N, C-alpha and C. Protein backbone atom coordinates (compact mmCIF):
# COMPACT_ATOMS: atom_id res chain seq x y z
N MET A 1 -38.04 -131.92 17.38
CA MET A 1 -38.24 -133.24 16.80
C MET A 1 -37.69 -133.29 15.39
N LYS A 2 -37.82 -132.18 14.64
CA LYS A 2 -37.30 -132.18 13.28
C LYS A 2 -35.79 -132.27 13.26
N GLU A 3 -35.17 -131.68 14.29
CA GLU A 3 -33.71 -131.75 14.35
C GLU A 3 -33.21 -133.19 14.57
N MET A 4 -33.94 -133.95 15.37
CA MET A 4 -33.59 -135.33 15.64
C MET A 4 -33.79 -136.14 14.37
N ASP A 5 -34.83 -135.90 13.58
CA ASP A 5 -35.07 -136.58 12.35
C ASP A 5 -33.96 -136.27 11.34
N ALA A 6 -33.51 -135.02 11.31
CA ALA A 6 -32.42 -134.64 10.42
C ALA A 6 -31.11 -135.34 10.82
N LEU A 7 -30.85 -135.43 12.12
CA LEU A 7 -29.69 -136.13 12.57
C LEU A 7 -29.76 -137.62 12.25
N GLU A 8 -30.90 -138.23 12.44
CA GLU A 8 -31.10 -139.61 12.11
C GLU A 8 -30.80 -139.88 10.59
N ARG A 9 -31.32 -139.02 9.74
CA ARG A 9 -31.04 -139.18 8.32
C ARG A 9 -29.60 -139.05 7.98
N GLU A 10 -28.93 -138.08 8.65
CA GLU A 10 -27.50 -137.88 8.40
C GLU A 10 -26.69 -139.08 8.83
N ILE A 11 -27.04 -139.62 9.99
CA ILE A 11 -26.32 -140.79 10.49
C ILE A 11 -26.48 -141.96 9.55
N GLU A 12 -27.74 -142.20 9.10
CA GLU A 12 -27.99 -143.28 8.16
C GLU A 12 -27.25 -143.11 6.82
N ALA A 13 -27.11 -141.85 6.40
CA ALA A 13 -26.38 -141.59 5.18
C ALA A 13 -24.89 -141.83 5.32
N LEU A 14 -24.31 -141.57 6.53
CA LEU A 14 -22.92 -141.77 6.73
C LEU A 14 -22.51 -143.21 7.01
N LYS A 15 -23.38 -144.04 7.53
CA LYS A 15 -23.05 -145.41 7.86
C LYS A 15 -22.43 -146.19 6.64
N PRO A 16 -23.03 -146.13 5.45
CA PRO A 16 -22.44 -146.85 4.35
C PRO A 16 -21.06 -146.31 3.98
N LYS A 17 -20.83 -145.05 4.15
CA LYS A 17 -19.53 -144.47 3.85
C LYS A 17 -18.45 -145.02 4.78
N VAL A 18 -18.78 -145.02 6.08
CA VAL A 18 -17.87 -145.52 7.09
C VAL A 18 -17.64 -147.04 6.87
N ARG A 19 -18.69 -147.76 6.61
CA ARG A 19 -18.59 -149.20 6.29
C ARG A 19 -17.61 -149.45 5.11
N ASP A 20 -17.76 -148.64 4.08
CA ASP A 20 -16.89 -148.74 2.89
C ASP A 20 -15.46 -148.48 3.24
N MET A 21 -15.26 -147.42 4.11
CA MET A 21 -13.90 -147.10 4.51
C MET A 21 -13.26 -148.28 5.27
N LEU A 22 -14.05 -148.90 6.09
CA LEU A 22 -13.56 -150.02 6.90
C LEU A 22 -13.23 -151.23 6.00
N ILE A 23 -14.13 -151.54 5.09
CA ILE A 23 -13.92 -152.71 4.22
C ILE A 23 -12.81 -152.48 3.20
N SER A 24 -12.72 -151.27 2.66
CA SER A 24 -11.77 -151.02 1.60
C SER A 24 -10.34 -150.77 2.05
N SER A 25 -10.15 -150.61 3.34
CA SER A 25 -8.78 -150.36 3.88
C SER A 25 -7.93 -151.58 3.52
N GLU A 26 -6.83 -151.34 2.81
CA GLU A 26 -5.98 -152.42 2.34
C GLU A 26 -5.06 -152.99 3.44
N SER A 27 -4.61 -152.12 4.29
CA SER A 27 -3.65 -152.52 5.33
C SER A 27 -4.40 -153.00 6.59
N SER A 28 -3.97 -154.15 7.09
CA SER A 28 -4.55 -154.70 8.34
C SER A 28 -4.29 -153.76 9.48
N LYS A 29 -3.14 -153.16 9.50
CA LYS A 29 -2.79 -152.20 10.58
C LYS A 29 -3.73 -150.98 10.54
N LYS A 30 -4.02 -150.46 9.34
CA LYS A 30 -4.93 -149.34 9.24
C LYS A 30 -6.35 -149.70 9.70
N LYS A 31 -6.75 -150.94 9.37
CA LYS A 31 -8.07 -151.44 9.79
C LYS A 31 -8.13 -151.45 11.33
N ILE A 32 -7.09 -152.01 11.96
CA ILE A 32 -7.09 -152.14 13.41
C ILE A 32 -7.15 -150.73 14.07
N LEU A 33 -6.40 -149.78 13.52
CA LEU A 33 -6.45 -148.42 14.04
C LEU A 33 -7.81 -147.76 13.80
N PHE A 34 -8.42 -148.03 12.68
CA PHE A 34 -9.74 -147.53 12.40
C PHE A 34 -10.77 -148.14 13.34
N LEU A 35 -10.63 -149.43 13.64
CA LEU A 35 -11.53 -150.09 14.60
C LEU A 35 -11.37 -149.44 15.97
N TYR A 36 -10.17 -149.17 16.34
CA TYR A 36 -9.91 -148.51 17.63
C TYR A 36 -10.62 -147.17 17.71
N LEU A 37 -10.54 -146.42 16.61
CA LEU A 37 -11.25 -145.12 16.55
C LEU A 37 -12.76 -145.30 16.69
N LEU A 38 -13.31 -146.28 15.98
CA LEU A 38 -14.78 -146.51 16.09
C LEU A 38 -15.17 -146.88 17.49
N VAL A 39 -14.40 -147.69 18.15
CA VAL A 39 -14.68 -148.07 19.53
C VAL A 39 -14.57 -146.88 20.44
N SER A 40 -13.54 -146.10 20.29
CA SER A 40 -13.32 -144.92 21.11
C SER A 40 -14.43 -143.88 20.97
N LEU A 41 -15.01 -143.79 19.79
CA LEU A 41 -16.10 -142.88 19.52
C LEU A 41 -17.46 -143.40 19.91
N GLY A 42 -17.47 -144.70 20.30
CA GLY A 42 -18.71 -145.30 20.71
C GLY A 42 -19.60 -145.71 19.49
N LEU A 43 -19.02 -145.91 18.34
CA LEU A 43 -19.78 -146.19 17.12
C LEU A 43 -19.66 -147.64 16.70
N ALA A 44 -18.89 -148.41 17.39
CA ALA A 44 -18.59 -149.78 16.96
C ALA A 44 -19.83 -150.63 16.83
N TYR A 45 -20.84 -150.40 17.57
CA TYR A 45 -22.04 -151.26 17.55
C TYR A 45 -22.78 -151.19 16.23
N HIS A 46 -22.50 -150.12 15.46
CA HIS A 46 -23.11 -150.03 14.12
C HIS A 46 -22.47 -150.98 13.09
N PHE A 47 -21.24 -151.45 13.43
CA PHE A 47 -20.48 -152.20 12.44
C PHE A 47 -19.93 -153.46 12.99
N GLU A 48 -20.70 -154.17 13.81
CA GLU A 48 -20.26 -155.39 14.50
C GLU A 48 -19.75 -156.48 13.56
N ASP A 49 -20.48 -156.74 12.48
CA ASP A 49 -20.07 -157.81 11.54
C ASP A 49 -18.75 -157.46 10.86
N GLU A 50 -18.61 -156.24 10.42
CA GLU A 50 -17.42 -155.77 9.75
C GLU A 50 -16.19 -155.83 10.68
N ILE A 51 -16.45 -155.47 11.97
CA ILE A 51 -15.40 -155.48 12.94
C ILE A 51 -14.93 -156.91 13.23
N LYS A 52 -15.89 -157.84 13.37
CA LYS A 52 -15.54 -159.22 13.60
C LYS A 52 -14.71 -159.77 12.45
N GLU A 53 -15.08 -159.48 11.23
CA GLU A 53 -14.32 -159.95 10.07
C GLU A 53 -12.92 -159.32 10.03
N SER A 54 -12.83 -158.04 10.34
CA SER A 54 -11.52 -157.35 10.30
C SER A 54 -10.58 -157.91 11.42
N LEU A 55 -11.15 -158.18 12.56
CA LEU A 55 -10.30 -158.71 13.67
C LEU A 55 -9.85 -160.14 13.33
N GLU A 56 -10.73 -160.92 12.73
CA GLU A 56 -10.29 -162.29 12.36
C GLU A 56 -9.14 -162.22 11.35
N ASP A 57 -9.25 -161.32 10.38
CA ASP A 57 -8.22 -161.14 9.39
C ASP A 57 -6.95 -160.57 10.04
N GLY A 58 -7.06 -159.66 10.96
CA GLY A 58 -5.99 -159.05 11.62
C GLY A 58 -5.21 -160.04 12.49
N LEU A 59 -5.94 -160.94 13.15
CA LEU A 59 -5.28 -161.94 13.99
C LEU A 59 -4.36 -162.86 13.18
N GLN A 60 -4.76 -163.12 11.94
CA GLN A 60 -3.95 -164.00 11.11
C GLN A 60 -2.66 -163.30 10.66
N LYS A 61 -2.67 -161.95 10.65
CA LYS A 61 -1.51 -161.21 10.18
C LYS A 61 -0.86 -160.43 11.30
N ILE A 62 -1.09 -160.84 12.55
CA ILE A 62 -0.54 -160.07 13.69
C ILE A 62 0.96 -160.10 13.74
N GLU A 63 1.59 -161.19 13.43
CA GLU A 63 3.05 -161.26 13.49
C GLU A 63 3.68 -160.32 12.44
N GLU A 64 3.04 -160.28 11.26
CA GLU A 64 3.52 -159.39 10.23
C GLU A 64 3.34 -157.91 10.62
N MET A 65 2.25 -157.60 11.21
CA MET A 65 1.99 -156.19 11.70
C MET A 65 3.00 -155.83 12.74
N MET A 66 3.23 -156.70 13.72
CA MET A 66 4.06 -156.36 14.86
C MET A 66 5.55 -156.33 14.48
N ALA A 67 5.96 -157.10 13.47
CA ALA A 67 7.39 -157.19 13.13
C ALA A 67 7.93 -155.84 12.68
N SER A 68 7.14 -155.08 11.98
CA SER A 68 7.66 -153.82 11.45
C SER A 68 7.23 -152.58 12.23
N GLU A 69 6.59 -152.76 13.38
CA GLU A 69 6.07 -151.67 14.13
C GLU A 69 7.02 -151.27 15.27
N ASP A 70 7.25 -149.96 15.39
CA ASP A 70 8.11 -149.49 16.46
C ASP A 70 7.46 -148.40 17.33
N ASP A 71 6.23 -148.04 16.97
CA ASP A 71 5.48 -147.03 17.76
C ASP A 71 4.68 -147.77 18.87
N LEU A 72 5.04 -147.40 20.12
CA LEU A 72 4.45 -148.09 21.26
C LEU A 72 2.95 -147.93 21.32
N CYS A 73 2.42 -146.78 20.98
CA CYS A 73 0.98 -146.58 20.98
C CYS A 73 0.28 -147.52 19.99
N THR A 74 0.82 -147.63 18.83
CA THR A 74 0.21 -148.54 17.83
C THR A 74 0.33 -149.98 18.24
N VAL A 75 1.46 -150.34 18.82
CA VAL A 75 1.66 -151.71 19.29
C VAL A 75 0.62 -152.04 20.35
N SER A 76 0.36 -151.12 21.28
CA SER A 76 -0.67 -151.39 22.33
C SER A 76 -2.04 -151.54 21.78
N ILE A 77 -2.38 -150.73 20.72
CA ILE A 77 -3.67 -150.86 20.09
C ILE A 77 -3.81 -152.16 19.39
N ILE A 78 -2.77 -152.57 18.70
CA ILE A 78 -2.79 -153.89 17.98
C ILE A 78 -2.91 -155.03 18.97
N PHE A 79 -2.22 -154.88 20.13
CA PHE A 79 -2.25 -155.94 21.14
C PHE A 79 -3.64 -156.03 21.69
């Protein structure tokens, strides 16, 4: 039980750091890739509001992101 409490405390300590990383990312493309990582790791539910805001911002800049992108993997993630 003590191990679970320690993990819970560690998770709670890391959430603000991850949230700051998500918010402070200057590039919309980097935000989208970071969101993809959070979803892939199953952690997206911790950051639903930040994800919604980032996606709304990303959708407004999608043409700009896609215009300079030539990596098919990144294009599929942005799509």
